[in-house]
Protein backbone atom coordinates (compact mmCIF):
# COMPACT_ATOMS: atom_id res chain seq x y z
CA MET A 1 -9.52 -17.11 2.40
CA LYS A 2 -11.16 -14.82 4.91
CA ASN A 3 -14.04 -12.64 3.76
CA TRP A 4 -14.53 -10.12 6.51
CA PHE A 5 -17.54 -8.48 4.94
CA LYS A 6 -19.53 -11.70 4.96
CA ILE A 7 -19.53 -11.51 8.77
CA SER A 8 -22.43 -9.11 9.20
CA VAL A 9 -20.40 -5.90 8.94
CA TYR A 10 -23.11 -4.20 6.94
CA SER A 11 -25.89 -5.18 9.34
CA LEU A 12 -23.81 -4.23 12.37
CA ALA A 13 -22.93 -0.91 10.79
CA PHE A 14 -26.57 -0.24 9.96
CA LEU A 15 -27.63 -0.92 13.53
CA ALA A 16 -24.88 1.39 14.84
CA PHE A 17 -25.90 4.17 12.46
CA SER A 18 -29.58 3.78 13.24
CA ALA A 19 -29.04 3.93 16.96
CA THR A 20 -26.78 6.97 16.85
CA ALA A 21 -28.91 8.83 14.33
CA ILE A 22 -32.02 8.37 16.46
CA SER A 23 -30.22 9.65 19.56
CA ALA A 24 -28.93 12.76 17.75
CA GLN A 25 -31.79 15.12 18.62
CA THR A 26 -29.79 18.24 19.50
CA LEU A 27 -27.05 20.15 17.74
CA ASN A 28 -24.52 18.95 20.33
CA ASP A 29 -25.56 15.35 19.66
CA ALA A 30 -25.05 15.84 15.92
CA ILE A 31 -21.66 17.53 16.50
CA LYS A 32 -20.59 14.56 18.62
CA LEU A 33 -21.47 12.20 15.78
CA SER A 34 -19.25 14.22 13.47
CA ASP A 35 -16.41 14.36 16.02
CA ASN A 36 -16.70 10.57 16.29
CA GLU A 37 -16.29 10.40 12.50
CA LEU A 38 -19.81 9.02 12.09
CA TYR A 39 -20.24 11.35 9.15
CA GLU A 40 -23.20 9.78 7.40
CA SER A 41 -25.19 9.62 10.62
CA ALA A 42 -24.21 13.21 11.38
CA GLN A 43 -25.41 14.32 7.93
CA GLY A 44 -28.85 12.91 8.63
CA ALA A 45 -28.93 14.58 12.03
CA PHE A 46 -27.87 18.00 10.66
CA SER A 47 -30.45 17.77 7.85
CA LYS A 48 -33.20 17.14 10.41
CA LEU A 49 -32.04 20.09 12.48
CA ILE A 50 -32.02 22.37 9.44
CA ASN A 51 -35.52 21.23 8.47
CA ALA A 52 -36.69 21.94 12.02
CA GLU A 53 -34.84 25.28 12.31
CA PRO A 54 -34.15 26.58 8.79
CA LEU A 55 -33.02 30.02 10.02
CA ASN A 56 -30.51 28.75 12.57
CA GLY A 57 -27.10 29.53 11.05
CA ASP A 58 -25.22 27.22 13.46
CA ASN A 59 -26.93 24.18 11.95
CA TYR A 60 -25.61 25.08 8.49
CA PHE A 61 -22.10 25.71 9.78
CA TYR A 62 -21.76 22.35 11.49
CA GLN A 63 -23.27 20.52 8.52
CA GLY A 64 -20.74 22.28 6.30
CA GLU A 65 -17.98 21.25 8.70
CA ASN A 66 -19.19 17.67 8.43
CA PHE A 67 -19.05 17.82 4.62
CA PHE A 68 -15.52 19.21 4.88
CA ARG A 69 -14.47 16.32 7.10
CA MET A 70 -15.92 13.96 4.49
CA GLU A 71 -13.44 15.51 2.02
CA ASN A 72 -16.23 17.25 0.13
CA PRO A 73 -15.24 20.93 0.27
CA ASP A 74 -17.50 21.93 -2.63
CA SER A 75 -20.62 20.74 -0.79
CA ALA A 76 -19.31 22.39 2.38
CA LYS A 77 -18.98 25.70 0.55
CA ILE A 78 -22.57 25.47 -0.73
CA ILE A 79 -23.87 24.83 2.79
CA PHE A 80 -21.84 27.70 4.26
CA GLN A 81 -23.20 30.03 1.59
CA LYS A 82 -26.76 28.89 2.37
CA GLY A 83 -26.08 29.59 6.03
CA ILE A 84 -24.92 33.11 5.20
CA ALA A 85 -28.01 33.65 3.04
CA VAL A 86 -30.51 32.61 5.73
CA ALA A 87 -28.59 34.04 8.73
CA PRO A 88 -26.30 36.83 7.47
CA GLU A 89 -25.57 38.04 11.00
CA ASN A 90 -24.30 34.62 12.15
CA PRO A 91 -20.49 34.74 12.06
CA LEU A 92 -19.79 31.00 11.91
CA ASN A 93 -20.64 30.45 8.25
CA TYR A 94 -18.18 33.18 7.30
CA VAL A 95 -15.56 31.15 9.18
CA GLY A 96 -16.64 28.08 7.21
CA LEU A 97 -16.43 29.89 3.88
CA GLY A 98 -13.02 31.27 4.85
CA LYS A 99 -11.88 27.77 5.70
CA VAL A 100 -12.76 26.45 2.24
CA LEU A 101 -10.97 29.39 0.64
CA TRP A 102 -7.91 29.03 2.91
CA TYR A 103 -7.50 25.36 1.99
CA LYS A 104 -7.65 26.39 -1.67
CA ASN A 105 -4.96 29.03 -1.07
CA ASP A 106 -7.44 31.75 -2.00
CA SER A 107 -6.20 35.14 -0.78
CA THR A 108 -9.76 36.24 0.07
CA ALA A 109 -10.00 33.71 2.90
CA LYS A 110 -8.89 36.24 5.51
CA LEU A 111 -11.67 38.62 4.45
CA SER A 112 -14.19 35.98 5.50
CA PHE A 113 -12.40 35.45 8.81
CA SER A 114 -12.34 39.20 9.40
CA LYS A 115 -16.07 39.43 8.62
CA ALA A 116 -16.75 36.69 11.19
CA GLN A 117 -14.72 38.49 13.85
CA GLU A 118 -16.40 41.78 12.99
CA LEU A 119 -19.90 40.28 13.36
CA SER A 120 -19.00 38.60 16.66
CA LYS A 121 -16.97 41.60 17.84
CA SER A 122 -14.28 38.99 18.69
CA LYS A 123 -16.34 38.00 21.73
CA ASN A 124 -17.48 34.62 20.43
CA ALA A 125 -14.96 32.00 21.60
CA THR A 126 -16.24 29.44 19.09
CA VAL A 127 -15.53 31.80 16.19
CA LEU A 128 -12.00 32.35 17.46
CA LEU A 129 -11.22 28.69 18.02
CA LYS A 130 -12.68 27.67 14.64
CA ILE A 131 -10.47 30.19 12.83
CA ALA A 132 -7.51 29.00 14.90
CA GLU A 133 -8.32 25.42 13.95
CA VAL A 134 -7.96 26.29 10.27
CA TYR A 135 -4.57 27.86 10.89
CA ILE A 136 -3.44 24.73 12.76
CA LYS A 137 -4.88 21.94 10.60
CA ALA A 138 -4.39 23.26 7.07
CA ASP A 139 -1.21 22.57 5.10
CA LYS A 140 -0.68 26.33 5.01
CA LYS A 141 -0.31 27.12 8.71
CA ASN A 142 -0.34 30.25 10.83
CA LEU A 143 0.45 28.87 14.27
CA ASN A 144 1.36 32.14 15.96
CA GLU A 145 -1.96 33.72 14.95
CA ALA A 146 -3.76 30.56 16.03
CA LEU A 147 -2.28 30.74 19.53
CA ILE A 148 -3.18 34.46 19.82
CA LEU A 149 -6.80 33.66 18.95
CA LEU A 150 -6.91 30.69 21.32
CA ASN A 151 -5.53 32.71 24.24
CA ILE A 152 -8.27 35.29 23.67
CA ALA A 153 -10.85 32.50 23.49
CA ALA A 154 -9.53 30.92 26.71
CA LYS A 155 -10.05 34.17 28.58
CA LYS A 156 -13.67 34.22 27.45
CA GLU A 157 -14.35 30.52 28.11
CA PRO A 158 -11.70 29.25 30.54
CA LYS A 159 -13.53 25.94 31.07
CA ASN A 160 -13.94 25.03 27.41
CA PRO A 161 -11.79 21.88 26.83
CA GLU A 162 -11.93 22.29 23.02
CA ILE A 163 -9.81 25.43 23.29
CA PHE A 164 -7.08 23.63 25.21
CA ILE A 165 -7.12 20.65 22.85
CA LEU A 166 -6.47 23.04 19.99
CA MET A 167 -3.71 24.75 21.98
CA GLY A 168 -2.11 21.35 22.38
CA ASP A 169 -2.49 20.78 18.64
CA ALA A 170 -0.75 24.08 17.89
CA PHE A 171 2.21 23.23 20.13
CA LEU A 172 2.36 19.73 18.64
CA GLU A 173 2.65 21.28 15.18
CA GLN A 174 5.54 23.33 16.56
CA ALA A 175 7.15 20.04 17.69
CA ASN A 176 6.76 21.17 21.30
CA GLY A 177 5.41 17.94 22.74
CA SER A 178 5.96 18.87 26.39
CA GLN A 179 3.72 21.94 26.05
CA ALA A 180 1.18 20.03 23.96
CA VAL A 181 0.69 17.34 26.60
CA ILE A 182 0.15 20.02 29.29
CA TYR A 183 -2.80 21.40 27.35
CA TYR A 184 -4.22 17.96 26.49
CA GLU A 185 -4.09 17.04 30.18
CA LYS A 186 -5.76 20.34 31.06
CA ALA A 187 -8.55 19.53 28.61
CA SER A 188 -8.93 16.08 30.20
CA ALA A 189 -9.10 17.65 33.66
CA LEU A 190 -11.86 20.02 32.51
CA ASP A 191 -13.77 17.15 30.89
CA PRO A 192 -12.77 13.69 32.17
CA THR A 193 -15.22 12.16 29.67
CA SER A 194 -13.35 13.67 26.67
CA ALA A 195 -12.21 10.81 24.48
CA LYS A 196 -10.82 13.41 22.04
CA ALA A 197 -8.28 14.71 24.58
CA LEU A 198 -7.04 11.17 25.22
CA LEU A 199 -6.87 10.52 21.50
CA ARG A 200 -4.73 13.61 20.97
CA THR A 201 -2.40 12.57 23.78
CA GLY A 202 -2.06 9.17 22.15
CA GLN A 203 -1.29 10.79 18.81
CA LEU A 204 1.35 12.93 20.48
CA TYR A 205 3.10 9.86 21.88
CA GLY A 206 2.72 8.16 18.52
CA ARG A 207 4.62 11.03 16.89
CA ALA A 208 7.29 10.60 19.53
CA ARG A 209 7.42 6.91 18.51
CA ASN A 210 6.36 5.78 21.96
CA PHE A 211 3.84 3.46 20.37
CA ASP A 212 2.98 1.40 23.43
CA LEU A 213 2.02 4.48 25.43
CA ALA A 214 0.10 5.86 22.44
CA PHE A 215 -1.85 2.63 22.23
CA ASP A 216 -2.68 2.83 25.95
CA TYR A 217 -4.28 6.24 25.42
CA TYR A 218 -6.34 4.95 22.49
CA GLN A 219 -7.54 2.14 24.74
CA LYS A 220 -8.45 4.66 27.44
CA ALA A 221 -10.40 6.70 24.89
CA ASN A 222 -12.47 3.67 23.94
CA ALA A 223 -12.93 2.76 27.61
CA ILE A 224 -14.53 6.18 28.12
CA ASP A 225 -16.56 5.97 24.90
CA SER A 226 -16.82 2.64 23.11
CA THR A 227 -18.45 4.42 20.16
CA PHE A 228 -15.49 6.77 19.65
CA ALA A 229 -14.48 5.65 16.17
CA PRO A 230 -11.21 7.64 15.79
CA ALA A 231 -9.55 5.60 18.54
CA TYR A 232 -10.26 2.36 16.65
CA ARG A 233 -8.82 3.95 13.52
CA GLU A 234 -5.67 4.96 15.36
CA LYS A 235 -5.30 1.46 16.80
CA ALA A 236 -5.65 0.07 13.30
CA GLU A 237 -2.91 2.43 12.09
CA PHE A 238 -0.78 1.41 15.08
CA TYR A 239 -1.00 -2.24 14.06
CA TYR A 240 -0.48 -1.33 10.41
CA ASN A 241 2.79 0.45 11.23
CA ALA A 242 3.84 -2.62 13.20
CA GLN A 243 2.97 -4.70 10.09
CA LYS A 244 0.44 -6.68 12.12
CA PHE A 245 -2.13 -6.50 9.36
CA GLU A 246 -4.61 -9.01 10.77
CA LEU A 247 -4.88 -7.02 13.99
CA ALA A 248 -5.15 -3.81 11.97
CA ILE A 249 -8.02 -5.34 10.00
CA ALA A 250 -9.81 -6.32 13.22
CA GLN A 251 -9.62 -2.74 14.54
CA TYR A 252 -10.72 -1.28 11.21
CA LYS A 253 -13.59 -3.72 11.15
CA ARG A 254 -14.71 -2.31 14.51
CA TYR A 255 -14.25 1.21 13.14
CA LEU A 256 -16.44 0.39 10.16
CA GLN A 257 -19.16 -0.96 12.41
CA LEU A 258 -19.36 2.59 13.76
CA ASN A 259 -18.43 4.55 10.67
CA ASN A 260 -19.11 3.23 7.21
CA ASN A 261 -17.67 6.25 5.39
CA LEU A 262 -16.00 5.86 2.04
CA SER A 263 -12.45 6.87 3.00
CA ALA A 264 -12.51 4.37 5.89
CA ARG A 265 -13.65 1.55 3.64
CA ILE A 266 -10.92 2.39 1.12
CA ARG A 267 -8.36 2.22 3.94
CA TYR A 268 -9.86 -1.09 5.05
CA ALA A 269 -9.50 -2.48 1.52
CA SER A 270 -5.86 -1.34 1.60
CA PHE A 271 -5.30 -3.30 4.81
CA LEU A 272 -6.84 -6.39 3.22
CA PHE A 273 -4.43 -6.04 0.32
CA LEU A 274 -1.43 -5.58 2.62
CA ASN A 275 -2.50 -8.68 4.54
CA LYS A 276 -2.37 -10.53 1.18
CA ASP A 277 -6.11 -11.19 1.39
CA TYR A 278 -6.45 -10.15 -2.22
CA ALA A 279 -9.78 -11.82 -2.94
CA SER A 280 -11.39 -10.03 0.02
CA ALA A 281 -9.84 -6.73 -1.07
CA ILE A 282 -11.41 -7.19 -4.51
CA SER A 283 -14.76 -8.11 -2.96
CA GLU A 284 -14.71 -5.07 -0.67
CA ILE A 285 -13.80 -2.69 -3.49
CA ASN A 286 -16.57 -4.12 -5.67
CA GLU A 287 -19.04 -3.37 -2.87
CA ILE A 288 -17.73 0.20 -2.56
CA GLN A 289 -18.00 0.75 -6.30
CA LYS A 290 -21.65 -0.25 -6.31
CA LYS A 291 -22.23 3.08 -4.58
CA ASP A 292 -19.31 5.21 -5.77
CA THR A 293 -16.99 4.66 -8.73
CA SER A 294 -15.29 8.05 -8.47
CA LYS A 295 -12.41 7.14 -6.16
CA VAL A 296 -9.34 6.75 -8.30
CA VAL A 297 -7.24 4.86 -5.75
CA LEU A 298 -9.70 1.95 -5.86
CA TYR A 299 -8.67 1.18 -9.43
CA ARG A 300 -5.05 1.07 -8.28
CA LEU A 301 -5.91 -1.45 -5.58
CA LEU A 302 -7.99 -3.52 -7.98
CA GLY A 303 -5.18 -3.59 -10.51
CA TYR A 304 -2.73 -4.76 -7.86
CA SER A 305 -5.10 -7.33 -6.35
CA PHE A 306 -6.12 -8.86 -9.67
CA TYR A 307 -2.45 -9.30 -10.53
CA GLU A 308 -1.87 -11.11 -7.25
CA THR A 309 -4.82 -13.43 -7.94
CA ALA A 310 -3.49 -14.10 -11.47
CA ASP A 311 -6.46 -12.44 -13.19
CA TYR A 312 -4.14 -10.45 -15.42
CA ALA A 313 -6.76 -9.27 -17.92
CA ALA A 314 -8.91 -7.73 -15.16
CA GLY A 315 -5.80 -6.30 -13.51
CA LEU A 316 -4.75 -4.58 -16.73
CA ILE A 317 -8.21 -3.11 -17.28
CA ASN A 318 -8.25 -1.60 -13.79
CA ILE A 319 -4.71 -0.27 -13.75
CA HIS A 320 -5.41 1.41 -17.11
CA LYS A 321 -8.55 2.92 -15.56
CA PHE A 322 -6.42 4.18 -12.69
CA PHE A 323 -3.99 5.99 -14.99
CA ALA A 324 -6.81 7.40 -17.12
CA ARG A 325 -8.63 8.76 -14.07
CA VAL A 326 -5.44 10.21 -12.57
CA ASP A 327 -5.14 12.35 -15.69
CA GLN A 328 -8.78 13.41 -15.46
CA SER A 329 -9.00 13.92 -11.70
CA LYS A 330 -9.31 17.39 -10.25
CA ILE A 331 -7.67 16.11 -7.08
CA LYS A 332 -3.91 15.75 -7.36
CA ILE A 333 -3.06 12.07 -7.01
CA LYS A 334 0.57 11.04 -6.87
CA VAL A 335 1.52 8.25 -9.26
CA LEU A 336 3.74 5.79 -7.40
CA PRO A 337 6.60 3.68 -8.75
CA SER A 338 4.51 0.64 -7.81
CA ASP A 339 1.78 1.83 -10.21
CA TYR A 340 4.15 1.56 -13.15
CA GLN A 341 5.61 -1.61 -11.66
CA TYR A 342 2.25 -3.39 -11.58
CA LEU A 343 1.32 -2.02 -15.00
CA GLY A 344 4.59 -3.38 -16.36
CA LYS A 345 4.03 -6.78 -14.78
CA LEU A 346 0.46 -6.93 -16.10
CA LEU A 347 1.59 -5.94 -19.59
CA SER A 348 4.20 -8.69 -19.55
CA LYS A 349 1.70 -11.27 -18.31
CA THR A 350 -0.66 -10.34 -21.14
CA GLY A 351 2.02 -10.65 -23.84
CA GLN A 352 2.90 -6.97 -24.20
CA ASP A 353 6.54 -7.24 -23.24
CA SER A 354 7.88 -4.27 -25.21
CA LEU A 355 5.39 -1.97 -23.48
CA ALA A 356 6.21 -3.65 -20.18
CA ILE A 357 9.87 -2.65 -20.55
CA ILE A 358 8.94 0.97 -21.20
CA THR A 359 6.65 0.99 -18.17
CA LEU A 360 9.12 -0.68 -15.81
CA ASN A 361 11.73 1.90 -16.82
CA GLN A 362 9.18 4.61 -15.91
CA ALA A 363 8.94 3.05 -12.45
CA ILE A 364 12.74 3.05 -12.14
CA ALA A 365 12.83 6.70 -13.21
CA LEU A 366 10.58 7.51 -10.25
CA ASP A 367 12.59 5.44 -7.78
CA SER A 368 15.85 3.85 -8.90
CA THR A 369 16.40 2.21 -5.50
CA GLN A 370 13.51 -0.27 -5.77
CA ILE A 371 15.36 -3.57 -6.04
CA ASP A 372 12.48 -5.70 -7.31
CA LEU A 373 12.03 -3.47 -10.35
CA TYR A 374 15.37 -4.59 -11.76
CA ASN A 375 14.43 -8.23 -11.37
CA GLU A 376 11.17 -7.67 -13.23
CA LEU A 377 12.87 -5.61 -15.93
CA GLY A 378 15.60 -8.22 -16.35
CA THR A 379 13.01 -11.00 -16.53
CA VAL A 380 11.15 -9.31 -19.39
CA HIS A 381 14.38 -8.63 -21.31
CA TYR A 382 15.38 -12.26 -20.77
CA LYS A 383 12.01 -13.42 -22.04
CA LEU A 384 12.57 -11.36 -25.21
CA LYS A 385 16.11 -12.79 -25.55
CA GLN A 386 17.55 -9.31 -25.00
CA TYR A 387 20.35 -10.73 -22.91
CA PRO A 388 22.69 -7.71 -22.62
CA GLN A 389 19.82 -5.64 -21.20
CA ALA A 390 18.82 -8.51 -18.90
CA ILE A 391 22.42 -8.74 -17.65
CA ALA A 392 22.48 -4.99 -16.89
CA ALA A 393 19.21 -5.21 -14.92
CA PHE A 394 20.19 -8.29 -12.90
CA GLU A 395 23.64 -6.85 -12.11
CA LYS A 396 22.02 -3.63 -10.88
CA ARG A 397 19.72 -5.62 -8.60
CA ILE A 398 22.66 -7.54 -7.12
CA LEU A 399 24.60 -4.31 -6.64
CA LEU A 400 21.70 -2.65 -4.80
CA ARG A 401 21.30 -5.69 -2.57
CA ASN A 402 25.02 -5.71 -1.76
CA GLY A 403 25.07 -9.29 -2.96
CA GLY A 404 22.54 -11.54 -4.58
CA SER A 405 20.43 -14.53 -3.71
CA THR A 406 20.59 -17.89 -5.47
CA ASN A 407 17.75 -16.75 -7.72
CA ASP A 408 19.57 -13.50 -8.55
CA PHE A 409 22.75 -15.29 -9.57
CA ASN A 410 20.79 -17.96 -11.44
CA ALA A 411 19.05 -15.27 -13.53
CA LEU A 412 22.31 -13.40 -14.17
CA GLY A 413 24.26 -16.57 -14.97
CA ARG A 414 21.66 -17.78 -17.47
CA SER A 415 21.65 -14.37 -19.14
CA TYR A 416 25.41 -14.54 -19.57
CA TYR A 417 25.10 -18.11 -20.85
CA PHE A 418 22.53 -17.29 -23.52
CA ASN A 419 24.54 -14.19 -24.43
CA LYS A 420 27.37 -16.66 -25.19
CA GLU A 421 29.60 -15.26 -22.44
CA TYR A 422 30.36 -18.71 -21.07
CA THR A 423 33.35 -17.81 -18.91
CA LYS A 424 31.27 -15.20 -17.08
CA SER A 425 28.30 -17.53 -16.72
CA ASP A 426 30.61 -20.19 -15.25
CA SER A 427 31.95 -17.70 -12.69
CA ILE A 428 28.44 -16.66 -11.69
CA PHE A 429 27.26 -20.24 -11.17
CA ALA A 430 30.44 -20.91 -9.20
CA LYS A 431 29.06 -18.43 -6.65
CA ILE A 432 25.91 -20.57 -6.29
CA VAL A 433 28.02 -23.72 -5.83
CA GLU A 434 30.05 -21.94 -3.16
CA ALA A 435 27.02 -20.56 -1.33
CA LYS A 436 24.68 -23.54 -1.78
CA PRO A 437 26.79 -26.66 -2.45
CA GLU A 438 23.80 -28.91 -1.82
CA LEU A 439 21.82 -27.52 -4.77
CA PRO A 440 22.13 -29.32 -8.14
CA ILE A 441 21.49 -26.16 -10.19
CA GLY A 442 24.92 -24.56 -9.79
CA TYR A 443 26.74 -27.70 -10.93
CA PHE A 444 24.41 -28.17 -13.91
CA TRP A 445 24.96 -24.67 -15.27
CA ARG A 446 28.70 -24.79 -14.61
CA ALA A 447 28.71 -27.99 -16.64
CA ARG A 448 26.72 -26.37 -19.44
CA SER A 449 28.96 -23.30 -19.52
CA ASN A 450 32.12 -25.38 -19.58
CA SER A 451 30.77 -27.70 -22.24
CA LYS A 452 30.37 -24.63 -24.48
CA LEU A 453 33.97 -23.66 -23.73
CA ASP A 454 35.10 -27.17 -24.66
CA PRO A 455 32.75 -28.30 -27.46
CA ASP A 456 35.15 -30.97 -28.75
CA LEU A 457 35.72 -32.47 -25.30
CA LYS A 458 39.47 -31.89 -25.60
CA THR A 459 39.76 -31.25 -21.87
CA ALA A 460 36.34 -32.53 -20.76
CA VAL A 461 36.26 -29.70 -18.25
CA ALA A 462 32.46 -30.02 -17.98
CA LYS A 463 32.61 -33.70 -16.94
CA PRO A 464 33.13 -33.31 -13.18
CA PHE A 465 30.30 -30.79 -12.97
CA TYR A 466 27.88 -33.07 -14.80
CA GLU A 467 28.92 -35.96 -12.56
CA THR A 468 28.32 -33.94 -9.40
CA PHE A 469 25.02 -32.69 -10.80
CA ILE A 470 23.90 -36.28 -11.46
CA GLU A 471 24.74 -37.19 -7.88
CA LYS A 472 22.91 -34.16 -6.38
CA ALA A 473 19.91 -34.48 -8.72
CA GLN A 474 18.95 -37.92 -7.44
CA VAL A 475 17.06 -36.28 -4.57
CA ASP A 476 14.30 -35.39 -7.04
CA VAL A 477 14.60 -37.18 -10.36
CA VAL A 478 11.19 -36.01 -11.56
CA LYS A 479 12.02 -32.36 -10.98
CA ASN A 480 15.47 -32.70 -12.54
CA LYS A 481 14.41 -35.04 -15.37
CA LYS A 482 15.16 -32.71 -18.29
CA ASP A 483 18.56 -31.70 -16.95
CA LEU A 484 19.43 -35.31 -16.08
CA ILE A 485 18.74 -36.32 -19.68
CA GLU A 486 21.25 -33.70 -20.81
CA ALA A 487 23.82 -34.76 -18.20
CA TYR A 488 23.50 -38.48 -19.04
CA SER A 489 23.74 -37.67 -22.74
CA TYR A 490 26.93 -35.66 -22.20
CA MET A 491 28.47 -38.47 -20.16
CA GLY A 492 27.44 -41.02 -22.77
CA TYR A 493 29.02 -39.00 -25.56
CA TYR A 494 32.15 -38.41 -23.47
CA HIS A 495 32.63 -42.15 -23.10
CA VAL A 496 31.97 -42.73 -26.81
CA VAL A 497 34.71 -40.21 -27.65
CA ASN A 498 37.00 -42.02 -25.23
CA LYS A 499 35.92 -45.42 -26.67
CA ASP A 500 34.59 -46.71 -23.35
CA PHE A 501 31.44 -48.11 -24.93
CA VAL A 502 30.36 -50.07 -21.85
CA ALA A 503 30.22 -46.86 -19.80
CA ALA A 504 28.59 -45.06 -22.71
CA LYS A 505 25.92 -47.73 -22.96
CA ASN A 506 25.24 -47.39 -19.22
CA TYR A 507 24.59 -43.63 -19.55
CA TYR A 508 22.50 -43.90 -22.71
CA THR A 509 20.40 -46.56 -21.00
CA LYS A 510 19.69 -44.02 -18.26
CA VAL A 511 18.72 -41.50 -20.94
CA LEU A 512 16.20 -43.92 -22.46
CA GLU A 513 14.72 -44.67 -19.04
CA LEU A 514 13.81 -41.00 -18.78
CA ASP A 515 13.16 -40.35 -22.49
CA PRO A 516 12.42 -43.55 -24.46
CA GLU A 517 12.29 -41.64 -27.77
CA ASN A 518 15.58 -39.84 -27.34
CA ALA A 519 17.17 -39.90 -30.83
CA SER A 520 20.85 -39.75 -29.79
CA ALA A 521 20.48 -42.54 -27.28
CA LYS A 522 18.53 -44.72 -29.72
CA THR A 523 21.18 -44.15 -32.41
CA PHE A 524 23.96 -45.23 -30.09
CA MET A 525 22.06 -48.25 -28.80
CA ALA A 526 21.56 -49.39 -32.41
CA SER A 527 25.27 -49.05 -33.18
CA LYS A 528 27.74 -51.93 -33.33
CA GLU A 529 29.68 -50.37 -30.43
CA ALA A 530 26.67 -50.78 -28.15
CA LYS A 531 26.29 -54.43 -29.09
CA HIS A 532 29.76 -55.48 -27.95
C-alpha cells in the first residue's frame, strides 16, 4: 500500500518553508506568504518584523490576520489587542478586533469598525477593504455595506487589484457571476501577476459547475506562481469532487510541500481515507497527533480507518474518543450518521451487539435514507437471532433500493427461514433463482424451505431443488461442501422412504466421501438395506 509521507514530504516541505521564510524580509513579503496559505512561514516572518519594529501597528494586524486564517481567532484577538496597545492611533487593529467580534456575533463589532474609520477619517483604502472583507466572508454577511465601502476605496486607490477582487467576491456571494468575473478580470488587468485573481475566477466557474474551465484557471494561477498553494488545494478539491482520489492526493501532496498547516494535513488524511489507503491515513494522522492531539475530526478518521483495516479494538477506542471530545469541544462539530454507523459496526465486531443496535438506530434517526445502515442493522439482529427485527431492516433496505441484490434477498430469505416463515423464505429465494439461475444458493435455500414445509416427504417438493442444487454446486465442491452434504443426505433419505435402496446407497456414499464420520450415512451403510 502506498505511503505518501515516506516520499520525502517532510524534507521537501521544510526546504520550501525555509526558502520562503528567508525571503520574507518585508511586510509585503510576509503578507504574500499568508495569502499563499504558507501560514507557519508567515508567522515566523511576522514575528521577526514585530521584533524589528515593535511599535508598527501594521505588523500586529497582519500577524493577527494570519492567526485568524489558521482558525485561531483567540490568538488573533490577543495580537490585535497588543497592536492597539502599542499603536493606539493605527486603525487596522481595530478592524481586526472587530472582525473577531463579528465572527462571534458580538454586537460590539461595529463599534470597533467605526473606531477604525474614525481614526483613518475613512481615507485609508485598506481599512475600508478589510472591513468590507469581513462583511463578505463571514457567515453573517452585509454585502450592500461591503460594496459601499469598496466603491469608496476604489475612488481612493483605483489601481489596487485587491479592491476589485473583493468586489468580485461580493457579487459572487450575490450569485451575480457575470458581474463578479468583470471585477476579477479588472484585477488581473491591473496586476497580470496576480494568481489570486485567477484563483477567484476559477472558483467562480467552479460554482457554476464549469469544472474544466475552473481547472484551467487554477493551472494558469500556478503557471504565474508555482508557489501559490491555494491553486493546488483547489485542484485537489476538483479531483476530489470528480472522485479521482489518487489525483487529488497528488495535488494535495504538492500543496503540503508548500504549506504544512494542520487543516491541510487533516484534509490530506481524509483524501487518503477516501482513496481506501487506510494504512497511510492512519500513519499520517499519527504523525499529526505527535504535534497536536486537539483536532477532534482526527479521532473520527482513525476510528473509520482502523475499522477498515480490521483493527476493531483500536477503532473503538478512537471513535469513543471522537464522541467524548465532541461533547467537550468549544467548537461546534456536527455528528454525522456515519459516526454512529462506524461506532455500531465496531461495537458489533467487538461483541457488543446490543449496544450496536442502539447506535445503528441513532444513525438511522439522523438519516433514514442511508441504505447500508439497514443492512448493518439487520445483520446484527440476525446475529442475535432476532429474526423479526432483521426482516424489517432487510425489507427496508430493499424498499429504499427499489429492489434488492442477491445478497439482500439472501439475507432476507434466511431471516424468514430461521423465523420459521418457510413459505415467505421460499418466495424470496425464488427471486434469486429467477435473477441468477446459475447460482446454487437460490436452489439450496428453496430446497431447505420446502423441506420444512414437507417434513414427512409426502410430496417431496424439496427434491427437485436439491437435485438442481447438486448439479449447480459441482462447479466448486469445496466451497459448497457443507450444503452438498445436506443435499445428498436429503436425497438418500428420500430414496430410503421410497425403498430405492440402491439410489439411497449412492447418495449416502457421496455423503461419506465428503464427511467420513457422518452418523446418518454410517447408520444407513451398516443397515441390511444397504447390503442388498
